[in-house]
Amino acid sequence: MEFDSQSGQELKSDINVTPLVDVCLVLMAEPRSHLTAARTRLQYLAGADLELARRIARAVRERDGGLPAVRAMGVALEGRGLVQVSMNLLDFRVTPPAVAFAAVAGLAGRAGARVVRSEVVGLVPAAALAGTDPAELRLDGFTPDLLLEERLARVLRARSGDQAEVAR
């Protein structure tokens, strides 16, 4: 809200900003549409090994000669006996989640570890998972609502007054 500095009364806008909200939502989503944050959690037969997660992260990240458009780091999940390789896939068209997952799972398998689950953090463009069964990636709690386009469509339907969407 804006107020007139002289009178203190609320200023009324001549512009209806409601349609702008939907446009801004779409425009803000587009620059990040190629970024996918993914985490793979590893379970080891002989306990968690943070150094192995870090070695796998080094092997898959672009900076160290790994997969293009991938940033990664190894992280310990204290108290769970697990470690994770946390990755940002900067452009899923260059390195799709399935390729990154397969690389991590392959390196873990050669070291005697296994991936117990993975997750997508935030929303993911549908194209990033096209032709991939989320179960093959061991995606934890994956629902279509995590797809960027599905979420945008739901918001737009709700904004247009679709009562079924509003009730969700």
Protein backbone atom coordinates (compact mmCIF):
# COMPACT_ATOMS: atom_id res chain seq x y z
CA MET A 1 0.00 0.00 0.00
CA GLU A 2 1.11 3.52 -0.72
CA PHE A 3 0.05 6.62 1.13
CA ASP A 4 0.01 10.27 0.15
CA SER A 5 2.75 12.00 2.13
CA GLN A 6 0.66 15.19 2.53
CA SER A 7 -2.76 13.80 3.46
CA GLY A 8 -1.81 10.37 4.78
CA GLN A 9 -4.60 8.79 2.73
CA GLU A 10 -4.14 5.54 0.87
CA LEU A 11 -3.43 6.02 -2.83
CA LYS A 12 -5.54 4.04 -5.27
CA SER A 13 -3.80 2.68 -8.34
CA ASP A 14 -5.30 3.05 -11.81
CA ILE A 15 -3.60 -0.20 -12.78
CA ASN A 16 -5.07 -3.58 -11.92
CA VAL A 17 -1.98 -5.47 -10.72
CA THR A 18 -3.67 -8.87 -10.35
CA PRO A 19 -2.92 -9.99 -13.95
CA LEU A 20 0.68 -8.85 -13.47
CA VAL A 21 1.17 -11.34 -10.66
CA ASP A 22 0.60 -14.29 -13.00
CA VAL A 23 2.92 -12.81 -15.61
CA CYS A 24 5.63 -12.20 -13.05
CA LEU A 25 5.30 -15.74 -11.73
CA VAL A 26 5.94 -17.15 -15.19
CA LEU A 27 8.79 -14.74 -15.92
CA MET A 28 10.48 -15.48 -12.61
CA ALA A 29 10.21 -19.20 -13.21
CA GLU A 30 11.78 -19.13 -16.67
CA PRO A 31 15.38 -18.15 -15.74
CA ARG A 32 15.53 -21.00 -13.22
CA SER A 33 13.73 -23.49 -15.42
CA HIS A 34 17.00 -25.14 -16.33
CA LEU A 35 18.30 -25.45 -12.76
CA THR A 36 17.39 -28.59 -10.89
CA ALA A 37 18.62 -29.27 -7.38
CA ALA A 38 18.95 -32.97 -6.71
CA ARG A 39 20.20 -34.97 -3.79
CA THR A 40 21.17 -38.60 -3.73
CA ARG A 41 21.54 -40.34 -0.40
CA LEU A 42 23.99 -43.17 -0.08
CA GLN A 43 23.93 -46.01 2.38
CA TYR A 44 27.07 -47.99 3.03
CA LEU A 45 27.45 -51.57 4.04
CA ALA A 46 30.12 -50.65 6.60
CA GLY A 47 28.65 -47.37 7.84
CA ALA A 48 28.58 -43.86 6.41
CA ASP A 49 31.71 -42.57 4.74
CA LEU A 50 31.78 -38.85 4.15
CA GLU A 51 35.04 -39.10 2.23
CA LEU A 52 33.44 -41.40 -0.34
CA ALA A 53 30.54 -38.95 -0.82
CA ARG A 54 33.09 -36.19 -1.35
CA ARG A 55 35.05 -38.30 -3.85
CA ILE A 56 31.85 -39.05 -5.78
CA ALA A 57 30.93 -35.34 -5.74
CA ARG A 58 34.38 -34.45 -7.11
CA ALA A 59 34.04 -37.07 -9.82
CA VAL A 60 30.64 -35.85 -11.03
CA ARG A 61 31.04 -32.08 -10.80
CA GLU A 62 32.06 -30.16 -13.87
CA ARG A 63 34.73 -28.09 -12.13
CA ASP A 64 36.78 -31.24 -11.50
CA GLY A 65 36.29 -32.76 -14.95
CA GLY A 66 32.98 -34.52 -14.32
CA LEU A 67 29.57 -34.02 -15.86
CA PRO A 68 28.93 -30.72 -17.64
CA ALA A 69 26.66 -28.20 -15.90
CA VAL A 70 26.85 -30.06 -12.57
CA ARG A 71 27.91 -28.73 -9.19
CA ALA A 72 28.14 -31.24 -6.36
CA MET A 73 29.30 -31.73 -2.79
CA GLY A 74 29.37 -34.56 -0.29
CA VAL A 75 27.49 -33.98 2.96
CA ALA A 76 27.10 -36.10 6.12
CA LEU A 77 23.59 -36.63 7.50
CA GLU A 78 24.48 -36.79 11.15
CA GLY A 79 22.78 -39.48 13.23
CA ARG A 80 21.32 -41.31 10.22
CA GLY A 81 24.34 -43.33 9.14
CA LEU A 82 23.96 -41.78 5.71
CA VAL A 83 25.79 -39.31 3.56
CA GLN A 84 24.52 -37.56 0.47
CA VAL A 85 25.83 -36.18 -2.74
CA SER A 86 23.99 -32.90 -3.18
CA MET A 87 23.96 -31.64 -6.76
CA ASN A 88 22.81 -28.61 -8.67
CA LEU A 89 22.12 -29.52 -12.27
CA LEU A 90 22.60 -26.14 -13.92
CA ASP A 91 21.06 -27.18 -17.24
CA PHE A 92 19.10 -30.43 -17.37
CA ARG A 93 19.29 -30.34 -21.17
CA VAL A 94 23.06 -30.76 -20.89
CA THR A 95 23.06 -33.26 -18.01
CA PRO A 96 19.61 -34.72 -17.25
CA PRO A 97 18.83 -35.94 -13.73
CA ALA A 98 18.88 -39.57 -14.95
CA VAL A 99 22.47 -39.17 -16.18
CA ALA A 100 23.61 -37.55 -12.92
CA PHE A 101 21.83 -40.22 -10.87
CA ALA A 102 23.38 -43.04 -12.91
CA ALA A 103 26.85 -41.54 -12.47
CA VAL A 104 26.48 -41.28 -8.69
CA ALA A 105 24.90 -44.74 -8.40
CA GLY A 106 27.62 -46.29 -10.56
CA LEU A 107 30.46 -44.74 -8.56
CA ALA A 108 28.77 -45.71 -5.28
CA GLY A 109 28.25 -49.29 -6.47
CA ARG A 110 31.91 -49.67 -7.41
CA ALA A 111 32.81 -48.57 -3.87
CA GLY A 112 30.42 -51.06 -2.22
CA ALA A 113 27.72 -48.50 -1.42
CA ARG A 114 24.24 -48.05 -2.77
CA VAL A 115 21.86 -45.17 -3.33
CA VAL A 116 18.89 -45.58 -1.02
CA ARG A 117 16.91 -42.62 -2.30
CA SER A 118 17.11 -39.35 -4.13
CA GLU A 119 15.05 -36.22 -4.09
CA VAL A 120 14.37 -33.15 -6.13
CA VAL A 121 14.53 -29.93 -4.16
CA GLY A 122 11.93 -27.43 -5.28
CA LEU A 123 10.22 -27.72 -8.64
CA VAL A 124 11.57 -29.48 -11.71
CA PRO A 125 10.64 -28.82 -15.34
CA ALA A 126 8.72 -31.77 -16.81
CA ALA A 127 11.24 -31.94 -19.66
CA ALA A 128 13.99 -32.75 -17.14
CA LEU A 129 12.26 -36.06 -16.35
CA ALA A 130 10.85 -36.78 -19.81
CA GLY A 131 11.25 -40.47 -20.66
CA THR A 132 12.36 -41.28 -17.11
CA ASP A 133 10.36 -43.19 -14.53
CA PRO A 134 10.80 -41.33 -11.21
CA ALA A 135 10.91 -44.74 -9.47
CA GLU A 136 14.09 -45.60 -11.41
CA LEU A 137 15.71 -42.53 -9.85
CA ARG A 138 14.46 -43.60 -6.41
CA LEU A 139 12.84 -40.18 -6.09
CA ASP A 140 11.48 -39.90 -2.58
CA GLY A 141 7.93 -38.57 -2.34
CA PHE A 142 7.73 -37.55 -5.97
CA THR A 143 4.34 -36.33 -7.15
CA PRO A 144 3.33 -34.49 -10.34
CA ASP A 145 2.89 -31.42 -8.14
CA LEU A 146 6.70 -31.14 -8.10
CA LEU A 147 6.68 -30.44 -11.83
CA LEU A 148 7.08 -26.74 -12.57
CA GLU A 149 4.45 -26.71 -15.29
CA GLU A 150 1.91 -28.56 -13.13
CA ARG A 151 2.37 -26.10 -10.28
CA LEU A 152 2.09 -23.09 -12.60
CA ALA A 153 -1.04 -24.53 -14.22
CA ARG A 154 -2.57 -25.15 -10.80
CA VAL A 155 -1.86 -21.58 -9.71
CA LEU A 156 -3.33 -20.18 -12.92
CA ARG A 157 -6.43 -22.37 -12.59
CA ALA A 158 -6.89 -21.23 -9.00
CA ARG A 159 -6.46 -17.61 -10.04
CA SER A 160 -9.14 -18.06 -12.69
CA GLY A 161 -11.57 -19.29 -10.06
CA ASP A 162 -11.49 -23.04 -10.70
CA GLN A 163 -13.17 -24.14 -7.46
CA ALA A 164 -11.70 -27.65 -7.66
CA GLU A 165 -8.20 -26.12 -7.61
CA VAL A 166 -9.02 -23.70 -4.83
CA ALA A 167 -10.16 -26.64 -2.66
CA ARG A 168 -6.85 -28.52 -3.13
